[in-house]
Every structure is written in structure tokens, then in C-alpha cells.
Amino acid sequence: MSSKLQVEMTVAADGPAVRVQGEVDLRTAPLLRERLLDWVNRSTGTVRVDLSQVPYMDSSGVGTMVFVKRETERAGRRIVLIGLQPRVRSVFEITHLDKFFTIMHSADEAAAK
């Protein structure tokens, strides 16, 4: 029942921005992981991941984000999650990962930090 996942990457002056669209679940999480890690390895600066177009994320998606965060930090960088929809944000809050990740409401807020 998962929708097709789209991952669009752009480079801004303050680092890479990744826009994710669609559901992140067992089927789509491996693609997201591959694309994010590729982007982390090919870019510099803070990695901003816009999840405002992700209506649903299951535990495999959350696990993917944790793995990517650790790899990003291992590379001496940081990752910021942007625009979590209420359903996705609640998954991060229930698992207390909202304390583990830097989560911003908007790209403008992330750029100001």
C-alpha cells in the first residue's frame, strides 16, 4: 500500500537539501537510505531533509533516519529534519527521537539556525 517515494536533492549555499515525498516504509526505506547516504558522501555542510511531503513513516523509515544521522555525524556533519507532519512527528515523539534529532518546522527556520 506504499506510495512511490521521490527523493529530490539540491545544493544551496548553506549545504545540501533533500526533499522527500511519499510514504517511507519497509519497501521505500532502503531507497531513502541509499539516496541520503550518497548525498551525504557527495556534499558538504548541514544536511537538511524536508519531510513535509511524507504523510507516513514506519519503524523501518525511522531506523533509516537514525542510521543516516549516525553516518552523517561520523563524517563530522549534522542533519536537520524539516516539516514533519503530525503523524510522522508523533512517531519521533513516542520513541523520544525528537530529542535525538534536530527538528525544525520550516526550511526558513533551519536556515536561520
N, C-alpha and C. Protein backbone atom coordinates (compact mmCIF):
# COMPACT_ATOMS: atom_id res chain seq x y z
N MET A 1 0.82 -1.20 0.00
CA MET A 1 0.00 0.00 0.00
C MET A 1 0.86 1.26 0.00
N SER A 2 2.17 1.13 -0.08
CA SER A 2 3.03 2.31 -0.03
C SER A 2 2.99 3.04 -1.36
N SER A 3 3.11 4.36 -1.27
CA SER A 3 3.16 5.16 -2.48
C SER A 3 4.60 5.22 -2.97
N LYS A 4 4.76 5.66 -4.19
CA LYS A 4 6.10 5.79 -4.74
C LYS A 4 6.85 6.88 -3.99
N LEU A 5 8.09 6.60 -3.68
CA LEU A 5 8.91 7.55 -2.95
C LEU A 5 9.72 8.37 -3.94
N GLN A 6 9.73 9.68 -3.74
CA GLN A 6 10.55 10.57 -4.56
C GLN A 6 11.53 11.28 -3.64
N VAL A 7 12.79 11.32 -4.05
CA VAL A 7 13.83 11.98 -3.29
C VAL A 7 14.53 12.95 -4.23
N GLU A 8 14.39 14.23 -3.94
CA GLU A 8 14.96 15.28 -4.79
C GLU A 8 16.04 15.99 -4.01
N MET A 9 17.20 16.17 -4.62
CA MET A 9 18.32 16.78 -3.93
C MET A 9 18.78 18.04 -4.64
N THR A 10 19.06 19.07 -3.84
CA THR A 10 19.58 20.32 -4.38
C THR A 10 20.70 20.80 -3.47
N VAL A 11 21.54 21.66 -4.01
CA VAL A 11 22.62 22.23 -3.23
C VAL A 11 22.36 23.72 -3.07
N ALA A 12 22.37 24.16 -1.82
CA ALA A 12 22.24 25.59 -1.52
C ALA A 12 23.56 26.05 -0.91
N ALA A 13 23.71 27.34 -0.74
CA ALA A 13 24.95 27.89 -0.19
C ALA A 13 25.26 27.33 1.20
N ASP A 14 24.21 27.03 1.96
CA ASP A 14 24.40 26.54 3.33
C ASP A 14 24.37 25.02 3.42
N GLY A 15 24.51 24.34 2.30
CA GLY A 15 24.58 22.88 2.32
C GLY A 15 23.48 22.22 1.53
N PRO A 16 23.49 20.90 1.49
CA PRO A 16 22.52 20.16 0.70
C PRO A 16 21.13 20.17 1.32
N ALA A 17 20.15 20.12 0.45
CA ALA A 17 18.76 20.00 0.88
C ALA A 17 18.16 18.80 0.16
N VAL A 18 17.49 17.98 0.90
CA VAL A 18 16.86 16.79 0.34
C VAL A 18 15.37 16.88 0.62
N ARG A 19 14.57 16.80 -0.43
CA ARG A 19 13.11 16.84 -0.26
C ARG A 19 12.58 15.43 -0.53
N VAL A 20 11.87 14.89 0.44
CA VAL A 20 11.33 13.54 0.35
C VAL A 20 9.81 13.65 0.19
N GLN A 21 9.27 12.87 -0.75
CA GLN A 21 7.83 12.89 -0.99
C GLN A 21 7.33 11.47 -1.09
N GLY A 22 6.31 11.15 -0.31
CA GLY A 22 5.71 9.82 -0.32
C GLY A 22 5.89 9.13 1.02
N GLU A 23 5.37 7.92 1.11
CA GLU A 23 5.44 7.16 2.36
C GLU A 23 6.80 6.48 2.49
N VAL A 24 7.33 6.51 3.71
CA VAL A 24 8.60 5.84 4.00
C VAL A 24 8.26 4.61 4.83
N ASP A 25 8.39 3.44 4.22
CA ASP A 25 8.04 2.20 4.89
C ASP A 25 9.05 1.12 4.52
N LEU A 26 8.74 -0.11 4.84
CA LEU A 26 9.66 -1.22 4.61
C LEU A 26 10.12 -1.30 3.15
N ARG A 27 9.24 -0.99 2.22
CA ARG A 27 9.60 -1.06 0.80
C ARG A 27 10.44 0.11 0.34
N THR A 28 10.17 1.30 0.85
CA THR A 28 10.83 2.50 0.34
C THR A 28 12.02 2.96 1.18
N ALA A 29 12.13 2.50 2.42
CA ALA A 29 13.23 2.94 3.30
C ALA A 29 14.62 2.63 2.73
N PRO A 30 14.84 1.47 2.11
CA PRO A 30 16.18 1.22 1.54
C PRO A 30 16.58 2.24 0.47
N LEU A 31 15.64 2.66 -0.35
CA LEU A 31 15.92 3.68 -1.37
C LEU A 31 16.27 5.01 -0.70
N LEU A 32 15.51 5.38 0.32
CA LEU A 32 15.79 6.62 1.03
C LEU A 32 17.18 6.57 1.66
N ARG A 33 17.50 5.47 2.29
CA ARG A 33 18.82 5.31 2.91
C ARG A 33 19.94 5.47 1.88
N GLU A 34 19.80 4.78 0.75
CA GLU A 34 20.80 4.84 -0.31
C GLU A 34 20.98 6.26 -0.82
N ARG A 35 19.88 6.94 -1.10
CA ARG A 35 19.95 8.30 -1.64
C ARG A 35 20.54 9.28 -0.63
N LEU A 36 20.12 9.17 0.64
CA LEU A 36 20.63 10.10 1.65
C LEU A 36 22.12 9.88 1.89
N LEU A 37 22.54 8.63 2.00
CA LEU A 37 23.97 8.36 2.22
C LEU A 37 24.81 8.83 1.03
N ASP A 38 24.30 8.62 -0.17
CA ASP A 38 25.00 9.09 -1.36
C ASP A 38 25.16 10.60 -1.30
N TRP A 39 24.12 11.27 -0.90
CA TRP A 39 24.14 12.72 -0.83
C TRP A 39 25.08 13.20 0.27
N VAL A 40 25.08 12.53 1.41
CA VAL A 40 25.99 12.88 2.49
C VAL A 40 27.44 12.76 2.03
N ASN A 41 27.73 11.71 1.27
CA ASN A 41 29.10 11.46 0.81
C ASN A 41 29.54 12.40 -0.30
N ARG A 42 28.60 12.99 -1.04
CA ARG A 42 28.95 13.84 -2.17
C ARG A 42 28.84 15.33 -1.88
N SER A 43 28.50 15.70 -0.66
CA SER A 43 28.25 17.11 -0.38
C SER A 43 28.94 17.54 0.91
N THR A 44 28.81 18.81 1.22
CA THR A 44 29.37 19.35 2.46
C THR A 44 28.28 20.15 3.17
N GLY A 45 28.54 20.49 4.42
CA GLY A 45 27.59 21.31 5.18
C GLY A 45 26.51 20.47 5.83
N THR A 46 25.60 21.17 6.47
CA THR A 46 24.48 20.53 7.15
C THR A 46 23.54 19.90 6.12
N VAL A 47 23.12 18.69 6.38
CA VAL A 47 22.16 18.01 5.51
C VAL A 47 20.76 18.32 6.02
N ARG A 48 19.98 19.00 5.21
CA ARG A 48 18.60 19.34 5.57
C ARG A 48 17.66 18.40 4.83
N VAL A 49 16.84 17.67 5.58
CA VAL A 49 15.91 16.71 5.00
C VAL A 49 14.49 17.21 5.21
N ASP A 50 13.86 17.63 4.13
CA ASP A 50 12.49 18.15 4.17
C ASP A 50 11.53 16.97 4.08
N LEU A 51 10.83 16.72 5.18
CA LEU A 51 9.88 15.60 5.24
C LEU A 51 8.44 16.08 5.23
N SER A 52 8.22 17.33 4.81
CA SER A 52 6.87 17.89 4.85
C SER A 52 5.89 17.20 3.90
N GLN A 53 6.41 16.46 2.92
CA GLN A 53 5.55 15.73 1.98
C GLN A 53 5.53 14.23 2.27
N VAL A 54 5.88 13.87 3.50
CA VAL A 54 5.86 12.46 3.93
C VAL A 54 4.70 12.29 4.91
N PRO A 55 3.59 11.69 4.45
CA PRO A 55 2.43 11.54 5.32
C PRO A 55 2.55 10.38 6.31
N TYR A 56 3.46 9.44 6.03
CA TYR A 56 3.56 8.24 6.85
C TYR A 56 5.00 7.74 6.86
N MET A 57 5.46 7.34 8.06
CA MET A 57 6.78 6.73 8.19
C MET A 57 6.66 5.63 9.24
N ASP A 58 7.07 4.41 8.88
CA ASP A 58 7.01 3.31 9.84
C ASP A 58 8.37 3.15 10.52
N SER A 59 8.50 2.10 11.32
CA SER A 59 9.73 1.91 12.10
C SER A 59 10.95 1.70 11.21
N SER A 60 10.78 1.12 10.03
CA SER A 60 11.94 0.96 9.14
C SER A 60 12.41 2.32 8.62
N GLY A 61 11.49 3.23 8.40
CA GLY A 61 11.86 4.58 8.00
C GLY A 61 12.58 5.32 9.11
N VAL A 62 12.07 5.17 10.34
CA VAL A 62 12.72 5.80 11.49
C VAL A 62 14.12 5.22 11.67
N GLY A 63 14.25 3.91 11.55
CA GLY A 63 15.56 3.27 11.66
C GLY A 63 16.52 3.77 10.59
N THR A 64 16.01 3.99 9.39
CA THR A 64 16.82 4.55 8.32
C THR A 64 17.32 5.94 8.69
N MET A 65 16.45 6.76 9.25
CA MET A 65 16.86 8.12 9.61
C MET A 65 17.91 8.10 10.73
N VAL A 66 17.77 7.18 11.68
CA VAL A 66 18.77 7.05 12.76
C VAL A 66 20.12 6.64 12.16
N PHE A 67 20.11 5.67 11.27
CA PHE A 67 21.35 5.20 10.63
C PHE A 67 22.01 6.34 9.86
N VAL A 68 21.23 7.06 9.08
CA VAL A 68 21.78 8.16 8.27
C VAL A 68 22.32 9.27 9.19
N LYS A 69 21.64 9.53 10.29
CA LYS A 69 22.13 10.55 11.22
C LYS A 69 23.49 10.14 11.78
N ARG A 70 23.63 8.90 12.18
CA ARG A 70 24.90 8.43 12.72
C ARG A 70 26.02 8.51 11.68
N GLU A 71 25.72 8.13 10.46
CA GLU A 71 26.73 8.19 9.39
C GLU A 71 27.10 9.64 9.07
N THR A 72 26.11 10.51 9.11
CA THR A 72 26.35 11.93 8.86
C THR A 72 27.26 12.51 9.94
N GLU A 73 26.97 12.17 11.19
CA GLU A 73 27.79 12.67 12.29
C GLU A 73 29.19 12.06 12.26
N ARG A 74 29.29 10.82 11.84
CA ARG A 74 30.59 10.18 11.71
C ARG A 74 31.45 10.93 10.69
N ALA A 75 30.81 11.53 9.70
CA ALA A 75 31.51 12.33 8.69
C ALA A 75 31.76 13.75 9.18
N GLY A 76 31.43 14.04 10.45
CA GLY A 76 31.67 15.36 11.02
C GLY A 76 30.64 16.40 10.64
N ARG A 77 29.47 15.97 10.26
CA ARG A 77 28.41 16.87 9.78
C ARG A 77 27.18 16.72 10.66
N ARG A 78 26.17 17.52 10.37
CA ARG A 78 24.91 17.36 11.09
C ARG A 78 23.75 17.27 10.12
N ILE A 79 22.65 16.73 10.64
CA ILE A 79 21.45 16.55 9.83
C ILE A 79 20.29 17.23 10.56
N VAL A 80 19.44 17.88 9.80
CA VAL A 80 18.27 18.56 10.34
C VAL A 80 17.05 18.04 9.59
N LEU A 81 16.04 17.64 10.34
CA LEU A 81 14.77 17.22 9.75
C LEU A 81 13.82 18.41 9.75
N ILE A 82 13.13 18.59 8.64
CA ILE A 82 12.28 19.77 8.47
C ILE A 82 10.85 19.36 8.13
N GLY A 83 9.89 20.04 8.77
CA GLY A 83 8.49 19.98 8.36
C GLY A 83 7.79 18.66 8.58
N LEU A 84 8.06 17.99 9.68
CA LEU A 84 7.40 16.71 9.94
C LEU A 84 5.89 16.90 10.10
N GLN A 85 5.13 16.13 9.36
CA GLN A 85 3.68 16.14 9.51
C GLN A 85 3.33 15.54 10.87
N PRO A 86 2.17 15.89 11.44
CA PRO A 86 1.82 15.42 12.79
C PRO A 86 1.94 13.91 12.99
N ARG A 87 1.52 13.13 12.02
CA ARG A 87 1.57 11.67 12.16
C ARG A 87 3.02 11.18 12.23
N VAL A 88 3.89 11.75 11.42
CA VAL A 88 5.30 11.37 11.42
C VAL A 88 5.98 11.90 12.68
N ARG A 89 5.69 13.14 13.03
CA ARG A 89 6.29 13.74 14.23
C ARG A 89 5.94 12.92 15.47
N SER A 90 4.71 12.41 15.54
CA SER A 90 4.31 11.64 16.72
C SER A 90 5.14 10.36 16.85
N VAL A 91 5.55 9.76 15.74
CA VAL A 91 6.41 8.57 15.79
C VAL A 91 7.75 8.94 16.42
N PHE A 92 8.29 10.09 16.05
CA PHE A 92 9.56 10.55 16.63
C PHE A 92 9.39 10.90 18.11
N GLU A 93 8.24 11.46 18.48
CA GLU A 93 8.00 11.82 19.88
C GLU A 93 7.79 10.58 20.75
N ILE A 94 7.02 9.62 20.27
CA ILE A 94 6.75 8.40 21.04
C ILE A 94 8.04 7.65 21.33
N THR A 95 8.95 7.65 20.37
CA THR A 95 10.23 6.94 20.53
C THR A 95 11.32 7.82 21.14
N HIS A 96 10.95 9.05 21.51
CA HIS A 96 11.87 10.04 22.10
C HIS A 96 12.99 10.44 21.15
N LEU A 97 12.80 10.18 19.87
CA LEU A 97 13.82 10.57 18.89
C LEU A 97 13.73 12.05 18.54
N ASP A 98 12.66 12.72 19.00
CA ASP A 98 12.59 14.16 18.81
C ASP A 98 13.67 14.87 19.63
N LYS A 99 14.24 14.17 20.62
CA LYS A 99 15.36 14.70 21.41
C LYS A 99 16.70 14.36 20.74
N PHE A 100 16.73 13.30 19.96
CA PHE A 100 17.93 12.81 19.28
C PHE A 100 18.21 13.61 18.01
N PHE A 101 17.15 13.98 17.29
CA PHE A 101 17.26 14.72 16.04
C PHE A 101 17.03 16.21 16.26
N THR A 102 17.63 17.02 15.40
CA THR A 102 17.26 18.43 15.33
C THR A 102 16.09 18.50 14.37
N ILE A 103 14.95 18.96 14.86
CA ILE A 103 13.74 19.02 14.05
C ILE A 103 13.27 20.47 13.98
N MET A 104 13.10 20.96 12.77
CA MET A 104 12.65 22.33 12.53
C MET A 104 11.28 22.29 11.84
N HIS A 105 10.52 23.36 12.03
CA HIS A 105 9.20 23.44 11.41
C HIS A 105 9.26 23.76 9.92
N SER A 106 10.29 24.57 9.53
CA SER A 106 10.34 25.01 8.13
C SER A 106 11.79 25.15 7.68
N ALA A 107 11.97 25.24 6.37
CA ALA A 107 13.30 25.46 5.80
C ALA A 107 13.85 26.81 6.23
N ASP A 108 12.98 27.81 6.34
CA ASP A 108 13.43 29.14 6.77
C ASP A 108 13.99 29.08 8.19
N GLU A 109 13.32 28.34 9.07
CA GLU A 109 13.78 28.20 10.43
C GLU A 109 15.14 27.49 10.45
N ALA A 110 15.29 26.45 9.64
CA ALA A 110 16.55 25.71 9.57
C ALA A 110 17.68 26.59 9.05
N ALA A 111 17.39 27.43 8.07
CA ALA A 111 18.42 28.31 7.50
C ALA A 111 18.85 29.38 8.50
N ALA A 112 17.95 29.76 9.39
CA ALA A 112 18.26 30.80 10.38
C ALA A 112 19.13 30.28 11.52
N LYS A 113 19.21 28.97 11.70
CA LYS A 113 19.97 28.38 12.82
C LYS A 113 21.41 28.16 12.46
